[in-house]
Amino acid sequence: MHLLGVDFTSAPSPRKPIVAVWAYWEKPGVVCLHTLQRFSDWSGFETLLQTPGPWVAAMDFPLSLPRALLQALGWPTEWSAAVEHIQQLGKSGFESALIAYQQAQPQGQKFVYRPTDRLTRSSSPMKLHYPPVGKMFFQGAIRLKAAGVCIPKLADNPDPRVVVEAYPALIARRLLKKAPYKQDNPKQQTIERFQARQSALTQLQRQVLLPEFGFSIHLAPALEKALLEDATGDTLDACFCAIQAAWASQTEHWGIPPIPEAEDGWIVDPALL
């Protein structure tokens, strides 16, 4: 089975592409991260989704909206129907609906969170700026639905292409605590951030994740070079996503616990079990 980690963006371009890292089980208990791909437009990402399976991809964007938000807006709560509805609204209609909801709420209650967002201290999937994860959900979900992939708990089907939700910050926190390691602004791409990426690579090579994730990690030399040189941190984040994909691939129910809270969507990582 192939593995894939995807660092996503809501507006792919040559300056800010979607970054994907392919991996595979080299042998039982050993995952090899080996191939880097960058997609500067939607056609490249859509082609990636059509890669024949079996594969498991962990993607760094919310795959779902909170059920409570969908109910408050009067939108369908079943995933496929909800995605079809927002597609009919269009990008501007979707964003306008979220903004209108936020404006009607009192201070401190403008965003709705899924249980998994609370557990991971991640942004609400309805947030449109800093980071624009709501925009990422819109662009990503409509393409996943069109591709017909299997999304456990949300769009279950027998397709051998399986997509789960990643959150690379969980691995970054383990390795780097709060040390910044990425920056899109070239003026702020400092030596300290380079050293943080270097530290993350060293710890991956020393297998510090082995006790918790249950497997060793090997990185191809070209990939090591790329993650150090990519000052945006997107290559390193895609590697973290690939590691979460590997963990999910060997875990019961794709790393998603059989609890009602997971019906809203779930980030796959051993810390959440």
Protein backbone atom coordinates (compact mmCIF):
# COMPACT_ATOMS: atom_id res chain seq x y z
CA MET A 1 0.00 0.00 0.00
CA HIS A 2 1.27 3.45 -0.90
CA LEU A 3 1.15 6.34 1.54
CA LEU A 4 0.79 10.04 0.86
CA GLY A 5 1.12 13.22 2.90
CA VAL A 6 -0.34 16.43 1.48
CA ASP A 7 0.28 19.97 2.66
CA PHE A 8 -2.70 21.80 1.20
CA THR A 9 -3.45 25.38 0.16
CA SER A 10 -6.71 26.98 -0.92
CA ALA A 11 -5.04 28.82 -3.81
CA PRO A 12 -2.21 26.78 -5.37
CA SER A 13 0.31 28.77 -7.42
CA PRO A 14 3.97 28.52 -8.39
CA ARG A 15 4.80 30.59 -5.31
CA LYS A 16 2.58 28.53 -2.97
CA PRO A 17 1.98 25.04 -4.42
CA ILE A 18 0.25 22.05 -2.91
CA VAL A 19 3.07 19.81 -1.65
CA ALA A 20 2.80 16.02 -1.61
CA VAL A 21 5.20 13.42 -0.24
CA TRP A 22 4.85 9.76 -1.22
CA ALA A 23 5.91 6.96 1.11
CA TYR A 24 5.65 3.18 1.34
CA TRP A 25 6.19 0.34 3.78
CA GLU A 26 9.79 -0.68 3.08
CA LYS A 27 9.25 -3.69 5.34
CA PRO A 28 7.14 -4.35 8.44
CA GLY A 29 7.80 -1.60 10.93
CA VAL A 30 9.73 0.65 8.52
CA VAL A 31 8.26 3.49 6.43
CA CYS A 32 10.28 5.11 3.65
CA LEU A 33 9.43 8.67 2.60
CA HIS A 34 10.78 8.99 -0.90
CA THR A 35 9.16 11.21 -3.54
CA LEU A 36 8.22 14.90 -3.51
CA GLN A 37 5.63 16.46 -5.80
CA ARG A 38 4.45 20.05 -6.08
CA PHE A 39 1.23 21.18 -7.78
CA SER A 40 0.83 24.82 -8.73
CA ASP A 41 -2.74 24.48 -10.02
CA TRP A 42 -5.88 22.49 -9.33
CA SER A 43 -5.48 20.19 -12.31
CA GLY A 44 -2.31 18.73 -10.80
CA PHE A 45 -4.05 17.99 -7.49
CA GLU A 46 -7.07 16.51 -9.26
CA THR A 47 -4.77 14.25 -11.26
CA LEU A 48 -3.07 13.18 -8.03
CA LEU A 49 -6.43 12.09 -6.62
CA GLN A 50 -6.96 9.85 -9.65
CA THR A 51 -3.74 7.90 -9.00
CA PRO A 52 -4.87 4.26 -8.82
CA GLY A 53 -5.00 2.77 -5.33
CA PRO A 54 -4.56 1.27 -2.94
CA TRP A 55 -3.18 4.27 -1.08
CA VAL A 56 -3.84 6.19 2.11
CA ALA A 57 -3.43 9.96 2.02
CA ALA A 58 -3.36 12.24 5.06
CA MET A 59 -4.26 15.78 4.02
CA ASP A 60 -3.67 18.95 6.00
CA PHE A 61 -7.06 20.61 5.81
CA PRO A 62 -10.39 20.07 7.58
CA LEU A 63 -12.36 17.41 5.75
CA SER A 64 -15.62 18.45 7.40
CA LEU A 65 -17.54 21.29 9.02
CA PRO A 66 -18.90 21.07 12.58
CA ARG A 67 -22.31 19.41 12.66
CA ALA A 68 -23.57 22.15 15.00
CA LEU A 69 -22.67 24.78 12.39
CA LEU A 70 -24.42 22.87 9.60
CA GLN A 71 -27.54 22.57 11.75
CA ALA A 72 -27.47 26.26 12.69
CA LEU A 73 -27.23 27.23 9.02
CA GLY A 74 -29.94 24.79 7.97
CA TRP A 75 -27.55 22.93 5.68
CA PRO A 76 -27.49 19.13 5.18
CA THR A 77 -25.49 17.29 7.83
CA GLU A 78 -24.64 14.23 5.71
CA TRP A 79 -21.18 14.84 4.23
CA SER A 80 -21.88 14.34 0.53
CA ALA A 81 -25.07 16.37 0.67
CA ALA A 82 -23.33 19.14 2.61
CA VAL A 83 -20.50 19.34 0.08
CA GLU A 84 -22.98 19.38 -2.80
CA HIS A 85 -24.82 22.23 -1.07
CA ILE A 86 -21.73 24.38 -0.59
CA GLN A 87 -20.69 23.71 -4.17
CA GLN A 88 -24.06 25.04 -5.30
CA LEU A 89 -23.54 28.12 -3.12
CA GLY A 90 -20.19 28.74 -4.79
CA LYS A 91 -17.07 30.08 -3.13
CA SER A 92 -18.44 33.58 -2.51
CA GLY A 93 -21.81 32.30 -1.29
CA PHE A 94 -20.16 29.84 1.07
CA GLU A 95 -17.85 32.47 2.53
CA SER A 96 -20.67 35.02 2.82
CA ALA A 97 -22.77 32.53 4.81
CA LEU A 98 -19.91 31.93 7.25
CA ILE A 99 -19.28 35.65 7.65
CA ALA A 100 -22.97 36.33 8.27
CA TYR A 101 -23.07 33.62 10.92
CA GLN A 102 -20.01 35.05 12.67
CA GLN A 103 -21.41 38.58 12.65
CA ALA A 104 -24.61 37.39 14.33
CA GLN A 105 -22.74 35.76 17.23
CA PRO A 106 -21.56 37.43 20.46
CA GLN A 107 -17.88 38.05 21.02
CA GLY A 108 -16.04 34.85 21.90
CA GLN A 109 -18.63 32.63 20.19
CA LYS A 110 -18.09 33.51 16.55
CA PHE A 111 -16.48 30.22 15.60
CA VAL A 112 -17.85 26.68 15.96
CA TYR A 113 -15.35 23.88 16.60
CA ARG A 114 -15.40 20.14 16.10
CA PRO A 115 -14.34 17.97 19.07
CA THR A 116 -11.13 17.07 17.22
CA ASP A 117 -10.31 20.78 16.83
CA ARG A 118 -10.59 21.29 20.56
CA LEU A 119 -8.39 18.29 21.30
CA THR A 120 -5.66 19.39 18.90
CA ARG A 121 -5.93 23.14 19.54
CA SER A 122 -6.48 23.71 15.83
CA SER A 123 -8.52 26.41 14.12
CA SER A 124 -12.24 26.15 13.49
CA PRO A 125 -12.96 24.81 9.98
CA MET A 126 -15.12 27.90 9.38
CA LYS A 127 -12.20 30.32 9.77
CA LEU A 128 -11.51 32.20 6.54
CA HIS A 129 -8.26 33.99 7.43
CA TYR A 130 -5.06 33.32 9.37
CA PRO A 131 -5.29 30.45 8.54
CA PRO A 132 -7.96 30.22 5.81
CA VAL A 133 -9.02 26.69 6.67
CA GLY A 134 -12.63 27.36 5.67
CA LYS A 135 -11.43 28.19 2.16
CA MET A 136 -9.29 25.06 2.24
CA PHE A 137 -12.30 22.95 3.21
CA PHE A 138 -14.34 24.37 0.33
CA GLN A 139 -11.68 23.78 -2.31
CA GLY A 140 -10.57 20.41 -0.97
CA ALA A 141 -13.93 18.83 -0.15
CA ILE A 142 -15.53 19.47 -3.53
CA ARG A 143 -12.55 17.82 -5.25
CA LEU A 144 -12.51 14.83 -2.91
CA LYS A 145 -16.21 14.30 -3.56
CA ALA A 146 -15.71 14.56 -7.31
CA ALA A 147 -12.86 12.03 -7.16
CA GLY A 148 -15.02 9.51 -5.30
CA VAL A 149 -12.36 8.63 -2.73
CA CYS A 150 -13.17 6.88 0.54
CA ILE A 151 -13.21 9.22 3.56
CA PRO A 152 -13.75 7.10 6.69
CA LYS A 153 -16.73 8.18 8.81
CA LEU A 154 -17.68 10.90 6.32
CA ALA A 155 -17.89 9.27 2.88
CA ASP A 156 -17.33 5.57 3.46
CA ASN A 157 -17.13 3.45 0.32
CA PRO A 158 -15.01 0.50 -0.93
CA ASP A 159 -12.69 2.67 -3.04
CA PRO A 160 -9.00 1.74 -2.43
CA ARG A 161 -8.06 5.44 -2.36
CA VAL A 162 -8.49 6.47 1.28
CA VAL A 163 -8.21 10.03 2.58
CA VAL A 164 -7.89 10.94 6.25
CA GLU A 165 -7.34 14.28 7.95
CA ALA A 166 -3.85 15.25 9.07
CA TYR A 167 -2.55 17.99 11.33
CA PRO A 168 1.24 18.24 11.05
CA ALA A 169 1.44 20.70 13.95
CA LEU A 170 0.95 17.74 16.29
CA ILE A 171 4.26 16.21 15.18
CA ALA A 172 5.97 19.60 15.02
CA ARG A 173 5.03 20.20 18.66
CA ARG A 174 6.54 16.86 19.66
CA LEU A 175 9.84 17.59 17.91
CA LEU A 176 10.21 21.34 18.23
CA LYS A 177 7.94 22.42 21.08
CA LYS A 178 7.20 26.03 20.12
CA ALA A 179 10.26 26.72 17.97
CA PRO A 180 9.19 28.35 14.66
CA TYR A 181 10.39 26.41 11.62
CA LYS A 182 8.55 27.91 8.65
CA GLN A 183 7.68 31.23 7.10
CA ASP A 184 6.18 32.18 3.73
CA ASN A 185 7.63 35.69 3.87
CA PRO A 186 11.20 35.52 2.47
CA LYS A 187 12.27 38.40 4.71
CA GLN A 188 11.50 36.31 7.79
CA GLN A 189 13.09 33.05 6.65
CA THR A 190 15.82 33.13 9.28
CA ILE A 191 18.75 30.88 10.17
CA GLU A 192 16.90 30.00 13.38
CA ARG A 193 14.03 28.54 11.36
CA PHE A 194 16.49 26.58 9.22
CA GLN A 195 18.08 25.21 12.39
CA ALA A 196 14.65 24.19 13.67
CA ARG A 197 13.99 22.19 10.48
CA GLN A 198 17.44 20.67 10.87
CA SER A 199 16.58 19.67 14.43
CA ALA A 200 13.30 18.08 13.27
CA LEU A 201 15.15 16.07 10.61
CA THR A 202 17.77 14.91 13.12
CA GLN A 203 15.07 13.71 15.51
CA LEU A 204 13.24 11.87 12.73
CA GLN A 205 16.51 10.15 11.83
CA ARG A 206 17.03 9.23 15.48
CA GLN A 207 13.57 7.62 15.48
CA VAL A 208 12.19 9.63 18.37
CA LEU A 209 8.65 8.95 17.09
CA LEU A 210 9.11 5.16 17.12
CA PRO A 211 7.73 4.48 20.63
CA GLU A 212 4.49 6.34 19.95
CA PHE A 213 3.92 5.69 16.24
CA GLY A 214 5.21 2.11 16.21
CA PHE A 215 7.48 2.25 13.17
CA SER A 216 10.84 3.59 12.02
CA ILE A 217 11.09 6.37 9.45
CA HIS A 218 13.58 6.55 6.58
CA LEU A 219 13.82 9.61 4.34
CA ALA A 220 15.33 9.57 0.86
CA PRO A 221 18.40 11.88 0.66
CA ALA A 222 16.75 14.15 -1.93
CA LEU A 223 13.77 14.57 0.38
CA GLU A 224 16.00 15.42 3.34
CA LYS A 225 17.63 18.15 1.25
CA ALA A 226 14.28 19.51 0.09
CA LEU A 227 12.75 19.75 3.56
CA LEU A 228 15.77 21.64 4.85
CA GLU A 229 15.85 24.05 1.90
CA ASP A 230 12.10 24.70 1.78
CA ALA A 231 11.89 27.68 4.13
CA THR A 232 8.08 27.74 3.88
CA GLY A 233 8.07 24.48 5.86
CA ASP A 234 5.54 22.96 3.47
CA THR A 235 7.81 20.04 2.53
CA LEU A 236 8.43 19.21 6.19
CA ASP A 237 4.70 19.47 6.91
CA ALA A 238 3.95 17.11 4.02
CA CYS A 239 6.44 14.64 5.54
CA PHE A 240 4.64 14.91 8.89
CA CYS A 241 1.34 14.23 7.09
CA ALA A 242 2.85 11.14 5.42
CA ILE A 243 3.87 9.86 8.86
CA GLN A 244 0.30 10.32 10.11
CA ALA A 245 -0.96 8.51 6.99
CA ALA A 246 1.37 5.59 7.74
CA TRP A 247 0.13 5.40 11.31
CA ALA A 248 -3.52 5.48 10.19
CA SER A 249 -2.89 2.75 7.60
CA GLN A 250 -1.88 0.23 10.26
CA THR A 251 -4.46 1.24 12.86
CA GLU A 252 -7.97 -0.08 13.37
CA HIS A 253 -10.62 2.14 11.75
CA TRP A 254 -7.90 4.28 10.16
CA GLY A 255 -7.00 5.78 13.51
CA ILE A 256 -10.51 7.11 14.10
CA PRO A 257 -12.03 6.10 17.46
CA PRO A 258 -15.57 4.60 17.50
CA ILE A 259 -17.08 7.51 19.44
CA PRO A 260 -19.92 9.91 18.53
CA GLU A 261 -17.53 12.88 18.51
CA ALA A 262 -15.70 11.38 15.53
CA GLU A 263 -18.82 11.72 13.37
CA ASP A 264 -17.89 15.40 12.96
CA GLY A 265 -14.55 14.44 11.41
CA TRP A 266 -11.31 13.36 13.07
CA ILE A 267 -7.60 14.17 12.85
CA VAL A 268 -5.55 10.97 12.79
CA ASP A 269 -2.69 10.86 15.30
CA PRO A 270 -1.86 8.50 18.18
CA ALA A 271 -2.07 11.43 20.62
CA LEU A 272 -5.84 11.57 20.05
CA LEU A 273 -6.39 7.94 21.07
